[in-house]
N, C-alpha and C. Protein backbone atom coordinates (compact mmCIF):
# COMPACT_ATOMS: atom_id res chain seq x y z
N UNK A 1 35.01 30.87 -126.52
CA UNK A 1 35.47 30.27 -124.89
C UNK A 1 34.43 31.10 -124.12
N UNK A 2 33.72 30.24 -123.25
CA UNK A 2 33.06 31.10 -121.96
C UNK A 2 33.40 31.42 -120.59
N UNK A 3 33.31 32.51 -120.23
CA UNK A 3 34.03 33.38 -118.83
C UNK A 3 32.71 32.66 -118.22
N UNK A 4 32.37 31.84 -116.91
CA UNK A 4 31.63 31.56 -115.70
C UNK A 4 31.61 31.78 -114.76
N UNK A 5 31.36 32.73 -113.51
CA UNK A 5 32.20 32.41 -112.11
C UNK A 5 30.49 32.33 -111.40
N UNK A 6 31.23 32.22 -110.13
CA UNK A 6 29.64 31.68 -108.78
C UNK A 6 30.46 32.12 -107.60
N UNK A 7 29.92 32.03 -106.53
CA UNK A 7 30.12 31.81 -105.35
C UNK A 7 29.98 30.72 -104.72
N UNK A 8 30.28 30.56 -103.99
CA UNK A 8 30.26 29.49 -102.62
C UNK A 8 29.96 29.67 -101.46
N UNK A 9 29.24 29.89 -100.63
CA UNK A 9 29.07 30.57 -99.25
C UNK A 9 29.46 28.65 -98.12
N UNK A 10 29.99 29.10 -97.05
CA UNK A 10 29.99 28.36 -96.37
C UNK A 10 30.60 28.65 -94.75
N UNK A 11 30.04 27.89 -93.71
CA UNK A 11 30.61 27.95 -92.27
C UNK A 11 31.28 27.33 -91.77
N UNK A 12 32.10 27.75 -91.27
CA UNK A 12 33.29 27.06 -90.95
C UNK A 12 33.12 27.34 -89.54
N UNK A 13 34.23 26.39 -88.49
CA UNK A 13 34.48 26.98 -87.33
C UNK A 13 35.89 27.16 -86.77
N UNK A 14 36.71 27.21 -87.88
CA UNK A 14 38.31 27.87 -87.69
C UNK A 14 38.86 26.98 -87.02
N UNK A 15 40.36 27.00 -86.35
CA UNK A 15 40.68 26.11 -85.80
C UNK A 15 41.78 24.94 -86.41
N UNK A 16 41.94 25.41 -88.10
CA UNK A 16 42.38 24.31 -88.42
C UNK A 16 41.05 23.47 -88.89
N UNK A 17 39.50 24.10 -88.96
CA UNK A 17 38.49 23.41 -89.60
C UNK A 17 38.25 23.11 -91.24
N UNK A 18 38.39 21.71 -91.19
CA UNK A 18 38.43 21.55 -92.90
C UNK A 18 36.93 20.84 -93.44
N UNK A 19 36.97 21.16 -94.34
CA UNK A 19 35.43 20.75 -95.39
C UNK A 19 36.03 20.53 -96.43
N UNK A 20 35.37 19.52 -96.84
CA UNK A 20 35.24 18.68 -98.19
C UNK A 20 34.40 19.73 -99.43
N UNK A 21 34.88 20.74 -100.22
CA UNK A 21 33.45 21.87 -101.22
C UNK A 21 33.50 21.05 -102.51
N UNK A 22 34.02 19.67 -102.22
CA UNK A 22 34.30 18.69 -103.54
C UNK A 22 32.63 18.92 -104.20
N UNK A 23 31.92 18.76 -103.65
CA UNK A 23 30.42 18.60 -104.10
C UNK A 23 29.53 19.85 -104.83
N UNK A 24 30.16 21.30 -103.80
CA UNK A 24 29.64 22.46 -104.28
C UNK A 24 29.91 23.08 -105.18
N UNK A 25 31.47 22.81 -105.53
CA UNK A 25 32.27 23.03 -106.70
C UNK A 25 32.04 22.15 -107.96
N UNK A 26 31.43 20.62 -107.66
CA UNK A 26 31.18 19.95 -108.87
C UNK A 26 29.91 20.52 -109.87
N UNK A 27 28.45 21.19 -108.42
CA UNK A 27 27.20 21.80 -108.54
C UNK A 27 27.63 23.27 -109.54
N UNK A 28 28.48 24.15 -109.37
CA UNK A 28 28.83 24.86 -109.90
C UNK A 28 29.78 24.64 -111.25
N UNK A 29 30.41 23.55 -111.63
CA UNK A 29 30.87 23.15 -112.85
C UNK A 29 29.30 23.08 -113.61
N UNK A 30 28.93 22.27 -113.18
CA UNK A 30 27.21 21.66 -113.66
C UNK A 30 26.78 22.89 -114.32
N UNK A 31 26.62 23.81 -113.28
CA UNK A 31 25.17 24.89 -113.65
C UNK A 31 26.30 25.81 -114.91
N UNK A 32 28.01 25.61 -115.25
CA UNK A 32 28.58 26.31 -116.16
C UNK A 32 28.20 25.92 -117.45
N UNK A 33 27.85 24.82 -117.46
CA UNK A 33 27.85 23.94 -118.97
C UNK A 33 29.17 24.07 -119.60
N UNK A 34 30.21 24.08 -119.40
CA UNK A 34 31.37 24.07 -119.54
C UNK A 34 31.80 22.32 -120.07
N UNK A 35 32.27 22.14 -121.03
CA UNK A 35 32.57 20.87 -121.08
C UNK A 35 34.41 20.47 -121.00
N UNK A 36 35.01 21.19 -121.43
CA UNK A 36 36.36 21.61 -121.54
C UNK A 36 37.36 22.98 -121.28
N UNK A 37 38.22 22.79 -120.09
CA UNK A 37 38.33 24.02 -119.75
C UNK A 37 39.31 24.05 -118.94
N UNK A 38 39.39 24.78 -117.68
CA UNK A 38 40.02 25.04 -116.39
C UNK A 38 38.46 25.89 -115.44
N UNK A 39 38.76 24.85 -114.50
CA UNK A 39 38.40 25.32 -113.21
C UNK A 39 39.54 26.44 -112.07
N UNK A 40 39.19 27.59 -111.36
CA UNK A 40 40.19 28.12 -110.07
C UNK A 40 38.70 28.06 -109.35
N UNK A 41 39.37 27.79 -108.20
CA UNK A 41 38.55 27.74 -107.10
C UNK A 41 39.73 28.97 -106.01
N UNK A 42 38.90 30.39 -105.41
CA UNK A 42 39.57 31.12 -104.71
C UNK A 42 39.34 31.35 -103.61
N UNK A 43 40.14 31.27 -102.33
CA UNK A 43 39.16 31.35 -101.00
C UNK A 43 38.95 32.87 -100.96
N UNK A 44 38.47 33.82 -100.12
CA UNK A 44 38.50 35.15 -99.93
C UNK A 44 39.13 35.22 -98.32
N UNK A 45 40.50 35.99 -98.08
CA UNK A 45 40.58 35.96 -96.81
C UNK A 45 41.85 35.71 -96.33
N UNK A 46 42.81 35.96 -95.56
CA UNK A 46 43.82 35.46 -95.13
C UNK A 46 44.71 34.46 -94.66
N UNK A 47 43.35 33.96 -93.96
CA UNK A 47 43.62 32.79 -93.03
C UNK A 47 42.87 31.64 -93.14
N UNK A 48 42.94 31.46 -94.93
CA UNK A 48 42.02 29.95 -95.43
C UNK A 48 42.86 29.48 -96.58
N UNK A 49 42.59 28.47 -97.08
CA UNK A 49 43.53 27.70 -97.98
C UNK A 49 42.98 26.93 -98.83
N UNK A 50 43.17 26.62 -100.18
CA UNK A 50 42.36 25.45 -100.60
C UNK A 50 43.43 24.54 -100.95
N UNK A 51 43.13 22.77 -101.43
CA UNK A 51 44.17 21.83 -101.56
C UNK A 51 42.93 20.47 -101.84
N UNK A 52 44.07 19.87 -102.88
CA UNK A 52 43.01 18.39 -102.48
C UNK A 52 43.84 17.99 -101.36
N UNK A 53 42.82 16.66 -101.32
CA UNK A 53 43.39 15.26 -100.39
C UNK A 53 42.30 14.52 -100.28
N UNK A 54 42.35 13.47 -99.58
CA UNK A 54 41.57 12.37 -99.63
C UNK A 54 41.04 12.74 -98.43
N UNK A 55 39.82 12.89 -98.84
CA UNK A 55 38.50 13.33 -97.47
C UNK A 55 38.02 12.48 -96.70
N UNK A 56 38.55 11.89 -95.90
CA UNK A 56 38.76 10.88 -95.05
C UNK A 56 38.68 10.92 -93.49
N UNK A 57 38.05 10.50 -92.65
CA UNK A 57 38.08 11.66 -91.14
C UNK A 57 39.51 11.55 -90.53
N UNK A 58 40.72 10.23 -90.74
CA UNK A 58 42.11 10.95 -89.78
C UNK A 58 42.32 12.01 -90.46
N UNK A 59 42.14 11.87 -91.51
CA UNK A 59 43.24 12.77 -92.48
C UNK A 59 42.65 14.84 -92.45
N UNK A 60 40.79 14.57 -92.02
CA UNK A 60 40.02 15.84 -92.10
C UNK A 60 40.33 16.05 -90.37
N UNK A 61 39.94 15.39 -89.53
CA UNK A 61 40.22 15.75 -88.19
C UNK A 61 41.30 15.47 -87.49
N UNK A 62 42.38 15.31 -88.01
CA UNK A 62 44.17 15.11 -87.01
C UNK A 62 44.11 15.05 -87.32
N UNK A 63 44.81 14.60 -88.84
CA UNK A 63 46.51 14.30 -89.49
C UNK A 63 46.66 15.78 -90.02
N UNK A 64 45.53 16.39 -90.65
CA UNK A 64 46.37 17.93 -91.15
C UNK A 64 46.18 18.78 -89.83
N UNK A 65 45.40 18.95 -89.17
CA UNK A 65 45.70 19.79 -87.86
C UNK A 65 46.91 19.69 -87.40
N UNK A 66 47.23 18.36 -86.92
CA UNK A 66 48.37 18.14 -86.30
C UNK A 66 49.77 18.67 -87.32
N UNK A 67 49.32 18.25 -88.71
CA UNK A 67 50.41 18.71 -89.46
C UNK A 67 50.86 20.60 -89.08
N UNK A 68 49.73 20.94 -89.26
CA UNK A 68 50.02 22.69 -89.05
C UNK A 68 50.51 23.28 -87.75
N UNK A 69 49.62 21.89 -86.75
CA UNK A 69 50.29 22.62 -85.22
C UNK A 69 52.03 22.25 -85.63
N UNK A 70 52.86 21.41 -86.27
CA UNK A 70 54.15 21.01 -86.24
C UNK A 70 54.78 22.61 -86.88
N UNK A 71 54.03 22.88 -88.11
CA UNK A 71 54.43 23.35 -88.66
C UNK A 71 54.64 25.54 -88.69
N UNK A 72 53.36 25.47 -87.65
CA UNK A 72 53.36 26.93 -87.14
C UNK A 72 52.33 26.92 -85.97
N UNK A 73 52.72 26.59 -85.01
CA UNK A 73 52.05 26.20 -83.62
C UNK A 73 51.22 27.57 -82.92
N UNK A 74 50.15 27.02 -82.23
CA UNK A 74 49.47 28.25 -81.73
C UNK A 74 49.87 28.80 -80.99
N UNK A 75 50.84 28.36 -80.08
CA UNK A 75 51.38 29.11 -78.62
C UNK A 75 52.42 29.50 -79.08
N UNK A 76 53.08 29.44 -80.28
CA UNK A 76 53.89 30.37 -80.55
C UNK A 76 54.43 31.72 -80.50
N UNK A 77 54.76 33.10 -80.82
CA UNK A 77 55.19 34.14 -80.49
C UNK A 77 54.77 34.50 -81.53
N UNK A 78 54.24 35.91 -82.43
CA UNK A 78 53.68 35.58 -84.08
C UNK A 78 54.04 37.59 -83.91
N UNK A 79 54.84 37.93 -84.38
CA UNK A 79 55.40 40.05 -84.72
C UNK A 79 53.53 40.18 -84.78
N UNK A 80 53.13 39.58 -86.34
CA UNK A 80 51.71 39.80 -86.39
C UNK A 80 50.53 40.18 -85.40
N UNK A 81 50.78 39.59 -84.28
CA UNK A 81 49.57 40.02 -83.34
C UNK A 81 50.15 41.12 -82.20
N UNK A 82 51.44 41.63 -82.21
CA UNK A 82 52.12 42.65 -81.79
C UNK A 82 50.78 43.98 -82.92
N UNK A 83 50.83 43.61 -83.69
CA UNK A 83 50.82 44.63 -85.04
C UNK A 83 49.17 44.95 -84.12
N UNK A 84 48.58 44.02 -84.39
CA UNK A 84 46.97 44.05 -84.70
C UNK A 84 46.37 43.32 -83.24
N UNK A 85 47.10 42.81 -81.49
CA UNK A 85 46.93 42.95 -81.02
C UNK A 85 45.70 41.66 -80.98
N UNK A 86 46.08 40.48 -81.18
CA UNK A 86 44.45 39.62 -82.34
C UNK A 86 45.92 38.23 -82.03
N UNK A 87 44.67 37.18 -81.92
CA UNK A 87 45.69 35.99 -81.40
C UNK A 87 46.00 34.85 -82.85
N UNK A 88 45.83 35.35 -84.24
CA UNK A 88 45.74 34.95 -85.51
C UNK A 88 46.81 34.69 -86.21
N UNK A 89 48.57 35.29 -85.69
CA UNK A 89 48.86 34.95 -86.16
C UNK A 89 49.47 33.63 -87.24
N UNK A 90 49.78 32.36 -86.04
CA UNK A 90 49.79 31.70 -87.14
C UNK A 90 48.29 30.87 -88.29
N UNK A 91 47.41 31.01 -87.60
CA UNK A 91 46.60 31.31 -89.01
C UNK A 91 47.21 31.66 -90.36
N UNK A 92 47.51 33.10 -90.40
CA UNK A 92 48.31 33.56 -91.35
C UNK A 92 49.25 33.02 -92.21
N UNK A 93 50.53 32.31 -91.21
CA UNK A 93 51.52 31.38 -91.54
C UNK A 93 50.32 30.33 -92.26
N UNK A 94 49.90 29.84 -91.82
CA UNK A 94 49.31 28.33 -92.42
C UNK A 94 48.79 28.62 -93.66
N UNK A 95 48.16 29.84 -93.50
CA UNK A 95 47.27 30.11 -95.16
C UNK A 95 48.46 30.38 -95.79
N UNK A 96 48.82 31.66 -95.27
CA UNK A 96 50.57 31.73 -97.16
C UNK A 96 51.18 31.01 -96.88
N UNK A 97 50.97 29.25 -95.92
CA UNK A 97 51.98 28.21 -96.36
C UNK A 97 51.43 27.19 -97.57
N UNK A 98 49.75 27.41 -97.41
CA UNK A 98 48.79 26.36 -98.58
C UNK A 98 48.65 27.11 -99.69
N UNK A 99 47.95 28.62 -99.57
CA UNK A 99 47.82 29.02 -100.86
C UNK A 99 46.27 29.18 -100.53
N UNK A 100 45.61 30.49 -101.27
CA UNK A 100 44.64 30.50 -101.33
C UNK A 100 43.22 29.74 -102.69
N UNK A 101 44.39 29.66 -103.50
CA UNK A 101 43.60 28.76 -104.80
C UNK A 101 44.23 27.83 -105.50
N UNK A 102 43.13 27.35 -106.21
CA UNK A 102 43.63 25.46 -106.65
C UNK A 102 42.87 25.74 -108.10
N UNK A 103 43.71 24.87 -108.77
CA UNK A 103 43.02 25.57 -110.24
C UNK A 103 42.92 23.61 -110.83
N UNK A 104 42.12 23.36 -111.67
CA UNK A 104 41.25 21.44 -111.97
C UNK A 104 41.04 21.69 -113.24
N UNK A 105 41.87 20.69 -114.34
CA UNK A 105 40.91 21.24 -115.86
C UNK A 105 39.71 20.07 -115.49
N UNK A 106 38.88 20.54 -116.65
CA UNK A 106 37.86 20.18 -117.08
C UNK A 106 37.73 19.11 -118.19
N UNK A 107 37.00 18.12 -117.95
CA UNK A 107 37.50 17.32 -119.22
C UNK A 107 35.86 16.37 -118.87
N UNK A 108 35.31 16.37 -120.53
CA UNK A 108 34.39 16.18 -120.84
C UNK A 108 33.40 16.62 -120.08
N UNK A 109 33.06 17.77 -118.77
CA UNK A 109 32.22 18.00 -118.11
C UNK A 109 32.53 18.11 -116.28
N UNK A 110 33.67 16.73 -116.31
CA UNK A 110 34.02 16.88 -114.82
C UNK A 110 35.51 17.12 -115.04
N UNK A 111 35.70 17.36 -113.22
CA UNK A 111 36.74 18.22 -112.65
C UNK A 111 37.33 16.63 -112.60
N UNK A 112 38.84 16.71 -113.30
CA UNK A 112 40.10 15.80 -113.54
C UNK A 112 40.73 15.10 -111.47
N UNK A 113 40.24 14.99 -111.20
CA UNK A 113 40.32 14.63 -109.59
C UNK A 113 40.60 13.11 -109.75
N UNK A 114 41.48 12.31 -108.77
CA UNK A 114 41.24 11.11 -108.93
C UNK A 114 40.34 10.40 -108.26
N UNK A 115 40.10 9.26 -107.87
CA UNK A 115 39.67 8.67 -107.55
C UNK A 115 39.19 8.52 -105.73
N UNK A 116 40.28 9.33 -105.60
CA UNK A 116 40.74 9.39 -103.56
C UNK A 116 40.97 10.78 -103.55
N UNK A 117 40.40 11.63 -104.48
CA UNK A 117 40.83 13.15 -104.56
C UNK A 117 39.89 14.14 -104.20
N UNK A 118 39.42 14.38 -103.40
CA UNK A 118 38.30 15.79 -103.70
C UNK A 118 38.96 17.02 -102.56
N UNK A 119 38.42 18.64 -103.34
CA UNK A 119 39.06 19.44 -102.59
C UNK A 119 38.88 20.23 -101.15
N UNK A 120 39.12 20.35 -100.93
CA UNK A 120 38.82 21.31 -99.44
C UNK A 120 39.40 22.22 -98.93
N UNK A 121 38.96 22.91 -98.39
CA UNK A 121 39.00 24.20 -97.33
C UNK A 121 39.57 24.12 -95.90
N UNK A 122 40.67 24.83 -95.82
CA UNK A 122 41.02 24.58 -94.45
C UNK A 122 40.87 26.32 -94.03
N UNK A 123 40.08 26.07 -92.91
CA UNK A 123 40.11 27.35 -91.92
C UNK A 123 41.41 27.37 -90.75
N UNK A 124 41.85 28.41 -90.95
CA UNK A 124 42.71 28.59 -89.89
C UNK A 124 42.83 29.59 -88.53
N UNK A 125 41.24 30.64 -89.04
CA UNK A 125 41.27 31.46 -88.10
C UNK A 125 40.81 30.88 -86.70
N UNK A 126 40.87 31.33 -86.09
CA UNK A 126 41.04 31.04 -84.34
C UNK A 126 39.42 31.28 -84.00
N UNK A 127 38.58 31.55 -84.91
CA UNK A 127 37.09 31.56 -84.70
C UNK A 127 36.47 31.16 -85.39
N UNK A 128 34.99 30.65 -85.67
CA UNK A 128 33.61 30.62 -86.37
C UNK A 128 33.80 31.97 -87.91
N UNK A 129 33.74 31.61 -89.23
CA UNK A 129 34.06 32.23 -90.26
C UNK A 129 32.97 32.07 -91.04
N UNK A 130 32.49 32.91 -91.78
CA UNK A 130 31.51 32.53 -93.09
C UNK A 130 32.65 32.49 -94.49
N UNK A 131 33.00 31.81 -94.84
CA UNK A 131 34.06 32.22 -96.04
C UNK A 131 33.22 31.56 -97.32
N UNK A 132 33.95 32.56 -98.26
CA UNK A 132 33.24 32.41 -99.25
C UNK A 132 34.14 32.06 -100.68
N UNK A 133 33.81 31.32 -100.99
CA UNK A 133 35.34 30.60 -102.41
C UNK A 133 34.44 31.28 -103.59
N UNK A 134 35.31 31.80 -104.26
CA UNK A 134 35.08 32.36 -105.77
C UNK A 134 35.31 31.38 -106.91
N UNK A 135 34.29 30.47 -107.78
CA UNK A 135 34.37 29.57 -108.82
C UNK A 135 34.65 30.68 -109.76
N UNK A 136 35.58 30.38 -110.90
CA UNK A 136 35.76 30.91 -112.23
C UNK A 136 35.99 29.69 -113.05
N UNK A 137 35.39 29.46 -114.04
CA UNK A 137 35.80 28.71 -115.20
C UNK A 137 35.41 29.07 -116.39
N UNK A 138 36.54 29.25 -116.97
CA UNK A 138 37.03 29.14 -118.40
C UNK A 138 37.28 27.50 -119.27
N UNK A 139 36.04 27.81 -120.52
CA UNK A 139 36.21 26.80 -121.14
C UNK A 139 35.30 27.08 -122.35
N UNK A 140 35.26 25.95 -122.80
CA UNK A 140 33.67 25.55 -124.11
C UNK A 140 32.99 24.22 -123.25
């Protein structure tokens, strides 16, 4: 059994910025030479998350942002903000609901994603950030 780890760095704009990271993660898988196993991606930080979706413009630039605005509105009062005197309570609630990690099976050296399924990072913070995604691959 092989264990392979790497990191992906990317700059985001915050405010529910959605980035397709499938190509970068696929590159890490290629570098690992693992043919069968599991890939876990984990974003460091408490105001971003990972999921899969169809990375098409309507979803990436509008629909996901509108969804999270309904779930945890930007202009609501969050007790987190009273503790730290900041403006990103909604960012933490959104990220907590999504989660920081994703696991994808590897079969024949490829991620088992559907035709219209990509891996995306959502950055919910209120400012641009440099995000780090840790990739860990277990397999043969």
